[in-house]
Amino acid sequence: MADKPLTKQRKEARSKGLAALGSAGATAVLSAFLTTFALLPGIPITAYLTYRWLAYRAEWGMKF
């Protein structure tokens, strides 16, 4: 049985998306429980990881 096309790329896109989601969650939790200054490094890191995820999906022509 043949694999679906782009199986490896879908796994990679999923891991990049989960990394972006984890970063957003960690930023939200840290800013809620500790201080809003946790947003200063958290927002750019989350934005970067989200950009990498979206760019990877666009590069391979994946839909949502």
PDB file of N, CA and C in Angstrom:
ATOM      1  N   MET A   1       0.840  -1.167   0.000  1.00  0.00           N
ATOM      2  CA  MET A   1       0.000   0.000   0.000  1.00  0.00           C
ATOM      3  C   MET A   1       0.895   1.244   0.000  1.00  0.00           C
ATOM      4  N   ALA A   2       0.610   2.145  -0.868  1.00  0.00           N
ATOM      5  CA  ALA A   2       1.414   3.356  -0.990  1.00  0.00           C
ATOM      6  C   ALA A   2       1.020   4.375   0.072  1.00  0.00           C
ATOM      7  N   ASP A   3       2.034   5.099   0.519  1.00  0.00           N
ATOM      8  CA  ASP A   3       1.769   6.168   1.481  1.00  0.00           C
ATOM      9  C   ASP A   3       1.070   7.325   0.800  1.00  0.00           C
ATOM     10  N   LYS A   4       0.370   8.105   1.597  1.00  0.00           N
ATOM     11  CA  LYS A   4      -0.232   9.322   1.060  1.00  0.00           C
ATOM     12  C   LYS A   4       0.878  10.280   0.655  1.00  0.00           C
ATOM     13  N   PRO A   5       0.611  11.107  -0.346  1.00  0.00           N
ATOM     14  CA  PRO A   5       1.634  12.088  -0.715  1.00  0.00           C
ATOM     15  C   PRO A   5       1.865  13.089   0.416  1.00  0.00           C
ATOM     16  N   LEU A   6       3.067  13.535   0.532  1.00  0.00           N
ATOM     17  CA  LEU A   6       3.484  14.539   1.520  1.00  0.00           C
ATOM     18  C   LEU A   6       3.343  14.065   2.969  1.00  0.00           C
ATOM     19  N   THR A   7       3.456  12.775   3.233  1.00  0.00           N
ATOM     20  CA  THR A   7       3.315  12.270   4.599  1.00  0.00           C
ATOM     21  C   THR A   7       4.407  12.844   5.501  1.00  0.00           C
ATOM     22  N   LYS A   8       5.636  12.817   5.027  1.00  0.00           N
ATOM     23  CA  LYS A   8       6.756  13.341   5.819  1.00  0.00           C
ATOM     24  C   LYS A   8       6.588  14.843   6.064  1.00  0.00           C
ATOM     25  N   GLN A   9       6.165  15.553   5.043  1.00  0.00           N
ATOM     26  CA  GLN A   9       6.003  16.995   5.171  1.00  0.00           C
ATOM     27  C   GLN A   9       4.856  17.337   6.127  1.00  0.00           C
ATOM     28  N   ARG A  10       3.804  16.539   6.122  1.00  0.00           N
ATOM     29  CA  ARG A  10       2.688  16.781   7.045  1.00  0.00           C
ATOM     30  C   ARG A  10       3.119  16.573   8.493  1.00  0.00           C
ATOM     31  N   LYS A  11       3.946  15.565   8.731  1.00  0.00           N
ATOM     32  CA  LYS A  11       4.458  15.335  10.083  1.00  0.00           C
ATOM     33  C   LYS A  11       5.329  16.497  10.530  1.00  0.00           C
ATOM     34  N   GLU A  12       6.177  16.972   9.628  1.00  0.00           N
ATOM     35  CA  GLU A  12       7.043  18.106   9.945  1.00  0.00           C
ATOM     36  C   GLU A  12       6.208  19.361  10.198  1.00  0.00           C
ATOM     37  N   ALA A  13       5.192  19.600   9.384  1.00  0.00           N
ATOM     38  CA  ALA A  13       4.324  20.764   9.574  1.00  0.00           C
ATOM     39  C   ALA A  13       3.576  20.660  10.905  1.00  0.00           C
ATOM     40  N   ARG A  14       3.163  19.454  11.250  1.00  0.00           N
ATOM     41  CA  ARG A  14       2.464  19.257  12.526  1.00  0.00           C
ATOM     42  C   ARG A  14       3.384  19.573  13.697  1.00  0.00           C
ATOM     43  N   SER A  15       4.632  19.132  13.638  1.00  0.00           N
ATOM     44  CA  SER A  15       5.554  19.402  14.743  1.00  0.00           C
ATOM     45  C   SER A  15       5.870  20.892  14.849  1.00  0.00           C
ATOM     46  N   LYS A  16       5.991  21.569  13.704  1.00  0.00           N
ATOM     47  CA  LYS A  16       6.231  23.013  13.737  1.00  0.00           C
ATOM     48  C   LYS A  16       5.013  23.754  14.303  1.00  0.00           C
ATOM     49  N   GLY A  17       3.817  23.300  13.940  1.00  0.00           N
ATOM     50  CA  GLY A  17       2.604  23.918  14.461  1.00  0.00           C
ATOM     51  C   GLY A  17       2.457  23.702  15.961  1.00  0.00           C
ATOM     52  N   LEU A  18       2.794  22.513  16.428  1.00  0.00           N
ATOM     53  CA  LEU A  18       2.716  22.240  17.861  1.00  0.00           C
ATOM     54  C   LEU A  18       3.748  23.047  18.643  1.00  0.00           C
ATOM     55  N   ALA A  19       4.910  23.278  18.049  1.00  0.00           N
ATOM     56  CA  ALA A  19       5.919  24.118  18.699  1.00  0.00           C
ATOM     57  C   ALA A  19       5.408  25.550  18.830  1.00  0.00           C
ATOM     58  N   ALA A  20       4.774  26.064  17.789  1.00  0.00           N
ATOM     59  CA  ALA A  20       4.216  27.415  17.839  1.00  0.00           C
ATOM     60  C   ALA A  20       3.091  27.496  18.872  1.00  0.00           C
ATOM     61  N   LEU A  21       2.240  26.482  18.899  1.00  0.00           N
ATOM     62  CA  LEU A  21       1.148  26.454  19.870  1.00  0.00           C
ATOM     63  C   LEU A  21       1.682  26.358  21.296  1.00  0.00           C
ATOM     64  N   GLY A  22       2.689  25.544  21.505  1.00  0.00           N
ATOM     65  CA  GLY A  22       3.298  25.418  22.831  1.00  0.00           C
ATOM     66  C   GLY A  22       3.933  26.719  23.284  1.00  0.00           C
ATOM     67  N   SER A  23       4.568  27.407  22.366  1.00  0.00           N
ATOM     68  CA  SER A  23       5.173  28.697  22.693  1.00  0.00           C
ATOM     69  C   SER A  23       4.106  29.722  23.076  1.00  0.00           C
ATOM     70  N   ALA A  24       3.005  29.725  22.351  1.00  0.00           N
ATOM     71  CA  ALA A  24       1.915  30.657  22.665  1.00  0.00           C
ATOM     72  C   ALA A  24       1.308  30.331  24.031  1.00  0.00           C
ATOM     73  N   GLY A  25       1.122  29.053  24.300  1.00  0.00           N
ATOM     74  CA  GLY A  25       0.577  28.645  25.592  1.00  0.00           C
ATOM     75  C   GLY A  25       1.499  28.986  26.739  1.00  0.00           C
ATOM     76  N   ALA A  26       2.788  28.725  26.569  1.00  0.00           N
ATOM     77  CA  ALA A  26       3.759  29.041  27.620  1.00  0.00           C
ATOM     78  C   ALA A  26       3.828  30.546  27.869  1.00  0.00           C
ATOM     79  N   THR A  27       3.777  31.326  26.808  1.00  0.00           N
ATOM     80  CA  THR A  27       3.794  32.777  26.962  1.00  0.00           C
ATOM     81  C   THR A  27       2.565  33.255  27.729  1.00  0.00           C
ATOM     82  N   ALA A  28       1.414  32.717  27.390  1.00  0.00           N
ATOM     83  CA  ALA A  28       0.178  33.120  28.069  1.00  0.00           C
ATOM     84  C   ALA A  28       0.196  32.732  29.547  1.00  0.00           C
ATOM     85  N   VAL A  29       0.636  31.522  29.835  1.00  0.00           N
ATOM     86  CA  VAL A  29       0.663  31.062  31.231  1.00  0.00           C
ATOM     87  C   VAL A  29       1.666  31.863  32.041  1.00  0.00           C
ATOM     88  N   LEU A  30       2.844  32.068  31.497  1.00  0.00           N
ATOM     89  CA  LEU A  30       3.861  32.820  32.238  1.00  0.00           C
ATOM     90  C   LEU A  30       3.431  34.261  32.474  1.00  0.00           C
ATOM     91  N   SER A  31       2.810  34.869  31.486  1.00  0.00           N
ATOM     92  CA  SER A  31       2.386  36.259  31.670  1.00  0.00           C
ATOM     93  C   SER A  31       1.218  36.357  32.638  1.00  0.00           C
ATOM     94  N   ALA A  32       0.362  35.336  32.685  1.00  0.00           N
ATOM     95  CA  ALA A  32      -0.783  35.370  33.592  1.00  0.00           C
ATOM     96  C   ALA A  32      -0.364  35.138  35.039  1.00  0.00           C
ATOM     97  N   PHE A  33       0.554  34.219  35.246  1.00  0.00           N
ATOM     98  CA  PHE A  33       0.912  33.859  36.620  1.00  0.00           C
ATOM     99  C   PHE A  33       2.116  34.614  37.166  1.00  0.00           C
ATOM    100  N   LEU A  34       3.022  35.019  36.318  1.00  0.00           N
ATOM    101  CA  LEU A  34       4.212  35.693  36.825  1.00  0.00           C
ATOM    102  C   LEU A  34       4.115  37.204  36.656  1.00  0.00           C
ATOM    103  N   THR A  35       4.285  37.641  35.444  1.00  0.00           N
ATOM    104  CA  THR A  35       4.283  39.071  35.172  1.00  0.00           C
ATOM    105  C   THR A  35       4.051  39.304  33.683  1.00  0.00           C
ATOM    106  N   THR A  36       3.596  40.480  33.360  1.00  0.00           N
ATOM    107  CA  THR A  36       3.376  40.783  31.944  1.00  0.00           C
ATOM    108  C   THR A  36       4.696  41.002  31.208  1.00  0.00           C
ATOM    109  N   PHE A  37       5.783  41.113  31.936  1.00  0.00           N
ATOM    110  CA  PHE A  37       7.079  41.262  31.277  1.00  0.00           C
ATOM    111  C   PHE A  37       7.502  39.970  30.577  1.00  0.00           C
ATOM    112  N   ALA A  38       6.826  38.875  30.863  1.00  0.00           N
ATOM    113  CA  ALA A  38       7.089  37.620  30.147  1.00  0.00           C
ATOM    114  C   ALA A  38       6.643  37.735  28.689  1.00  0.00           C
ATOM    115  N   LEU A  39       5.803  38.716  28.395  1.00  0.00           N
ATOM    116  CA  LEU A  39       5.364  38.916  27.014  1.00  0.00           C
ATOM    117  C   LEU A  39       6.473  39.486  26.128  1.00  0.00           C
ATOM    118  N   LEU A  40       7.420  40.193  26.734  1.00  0.00           N
ATOM    119  CA  LEU A  40       8.475  40.822  25.933  1.00  0.00           C
ATOM    120  C   LEU A  40       9.284  39.812  25.127  1.00  0.00           C
ATOM    121  N   PRO A  41       9.792  38.742  25.701  1.00  0.00           N
ATOM    122  CA  PRO A  41      10.478  37.758  24.859  1.00  0.00           C
ATOM    123  C   PRO A  41       9.511  36.743  24.247  1.00  0.00           C
ATOM    124  N   GLY A  42       8.362  36.556  24.851  1.00  0.00           N
ATOM    125  CA  GLY A  42       7.447  35.507  24.407  1.00  0.00           C
ATOM    126  C   GLY A  42       6.747  35.799  23.093  1.00  0.00           C
ATOM    127  N   ILE A  43       6.316  37.024  22.903  1.00  0.00           N
ATOM    128  CA  ILE A  43       5.579  37.368  21.679  1.00  0.00           C
ATOM    129  C   ILE A  43       6.458  37.243  20.426  1.00  0.00           C
ATOM    130  N   PRO A  44       7.684  37.770  20.423  1.00  0.00           N
ATOM    131  CA  PRO A  44       8.501  37.594  19.209  1.00  0.00           C
ATOM    132  C   PRO A  44       8.860  36.132  18.927  1.00  0.00           C
ATOM    133  N   ILE A  45       9.099  35.354  19.970  1.00  0.00           N
ATOM    134  CA  ILE A  45       9.413  33.935  19.770  1.00  0.00           C
ATOM    135  C   ILE A  45       8.210  33.212  19.177  1.00  0.00           C
ATOM    136  N   THR A  46       7.030  33.481  19.711  1.00  0.00           N
ATOM    137  CA  THR A  46       5.812  32.863  19.192  1.00  0.00           C
ATOM    138  C   THR A  46       5.560  33.302  17.757  1.00  0.00           C
ATOM    139  N   ALA A  47       5.771  34.573  17.467  1.00  0.00           N
ATOM    140  CA  ALA A  47       5.575  35.077  16.103  1.00  0.00           C
ATOM    141  C   ALA A  47       6.544  34.401  15.130  1.00  0.00           C
ATOM    142  N   TYR A  48       7.783  34.224  15.538  1.00  0.00           N
ATOM    143  CA  TYR A  48       8.778  33.576  14.688  1.00  0.00           C
ATOM    144  C   TYR A  48       8.408  32.117  14.404  1.00  0.00           C
ATOM    145  N   LEU A  49       8.021  31.390  15.450  1.00  0.00           N
ATOM    146  CA  LEU A  49       7.663  29.988  15.264  1.00  0.00           C
ATOM    147  C   LEU A  49       6.411  29.840  14.405  1.00  0.00           C
ATOM    148  N   THR A  50       5.456  30.739  14.585  1.00  0.00           N
ATOM    149  CA  THR A  50       4.247  30.702  13.766  1.00  0.00           C
ATOM    150  C   THR A  50       4.572  31.022  12.312  1.00  0.00           C
ATOM    151  N   TYR A  51       5.438  31.984  12.094  1.00  0.00           N
ATOM    152  CA  TYR A  51       5.860  32.321  10.730  1.00  0.00           C
ATOM    153  C   TYR A  51       6.544  31.127  10.061  1.00  0.00           C
ATOM    154  N   ARG A  52       7.425  30.453  10.792  1.00  0.00           N
ATOM    155  CA  ARG A  52       8.103  29.273  10.234  1.00  0.00           C
ATOM    156  C   ARG A  52       7.103  28.189   9.855  1.00  0.00           C
ATOM    157  N   TRP A  53       6.088  27.992  10.695  1.00  0.00           N
ATOM    158  CA  TRP A  53       5.059  26.984  10.417  1.00  0.00           C
ATOM    159  C   TRP A  53       4.262  27.348   9.162  1.00  0.00           C
ATOM    160  N   LEU A  54       3.803  28.601   9.095  1.00  0.00           N
ATOM    161  CA  LEU A  54       3.014  29.027   7.938  1.00  0.00           C
ATOM    162  C   LEU A  54       3.841  29.019   6.652  1.00  0.00           C
ATOM    163  N   ALA A  55       5.097  29.427   6.745  1.00  0.00           N
ATOM    164  CA  ALA A  55       5.961  29.434   5.565  1.00  0.00           C
ATOM    165  C   ALA A  55       6.221  28.015   5.077  1.00  0.00           C
ATOM    166  N   TYR A  56       6.401  27.082   6.000  1.00  0.00           N
ATOM    167  CA  TYR A  56       6.618  25.686   5.608  1.00  0.00           C
ATOM    168  C   TYR A  56       5.392  25.123   4.908  1.00  0.00           C
ATOM    169  N   ARG A  57       4.215  25.399   5.445  1.00  0.00           N
ATOM    170  CA  ARG A  57       2.969  24.921   4.824  1.00  0.00           C
ATOM    171  C   ARG A  57       2.792  25.551   3.439  1.00  0.00           C
ATOM    172  N   ALA A  58       3.110  26.826   3.311  1.00  0.00           N
ATOM    173  CA  ALA A  58       2.965  27.507   2.016  1.00  0.00           C
ATOM    174  C   ALA A  58       3.978  26.956   1.013  1.00  0.00           C
ATOM    175  N   GLU A  59       5.176  26.645   1.465  1.00  0.00           N
ATOM    176  CA  GLU A  59       6.210  26.110   0.587  1.00  0.00           C
ATOM    177  C   GLU A  59       5.790  24.778  -0.042  1.00  0.00           C
ATOM    178  N   TRP A  60       5.113  23.953   0.720  1.00  0.00           N
ATOM    179  CA  TRP A  60       4.673  22.659   0.227  1.00  0.00           C
ATOM    180  C   TRP A  60       3.241  22.676  -0.320  1.00  0.00           C
ATOM    181  N   GLY A  61       2.601  23.826  -0.293  1.00  0.00           N
ATOM    182  CA  GLY A  61       1.262  23.960  -0.853  1.00  0.00           C
ATOM    183  C   GLY A  61       0.211  23.227  -0.054  1.00  0.00           C
ATOM    184  N   MET A  62       0.375  23.197   1.250  1.00  0.00           N
ATOM    185  CA  MET A  62      -0.590  22.495   2.109  1.00  0.00           C
ATOM    186  C   MET A  62      -1.728  23.409   2.486  1.00  0.00           C
ATOM    187  N   LYS A  63      -2.915  22.845   2.524  1.00  0.00           N
ATOM    188  CA  LYS A  63      -4.096  23.593   2.957  1.00  0.00           C
ATOM    189  C   LYS A  63      -4.387  23.265   4.402  1.00  0.00           C
ATOM    190  N   PHE A  64      -5.297  24.012   4.995  1.00  0.00           N
ATOM    191  CA  PHE A  64      -5.634  23.781   6.397  1.00  0.00           C
ATOM    192  C   PHE A  64      -6.805  22.910   6.500  1.00  0.00           C
TER     193      PHE A  64
END
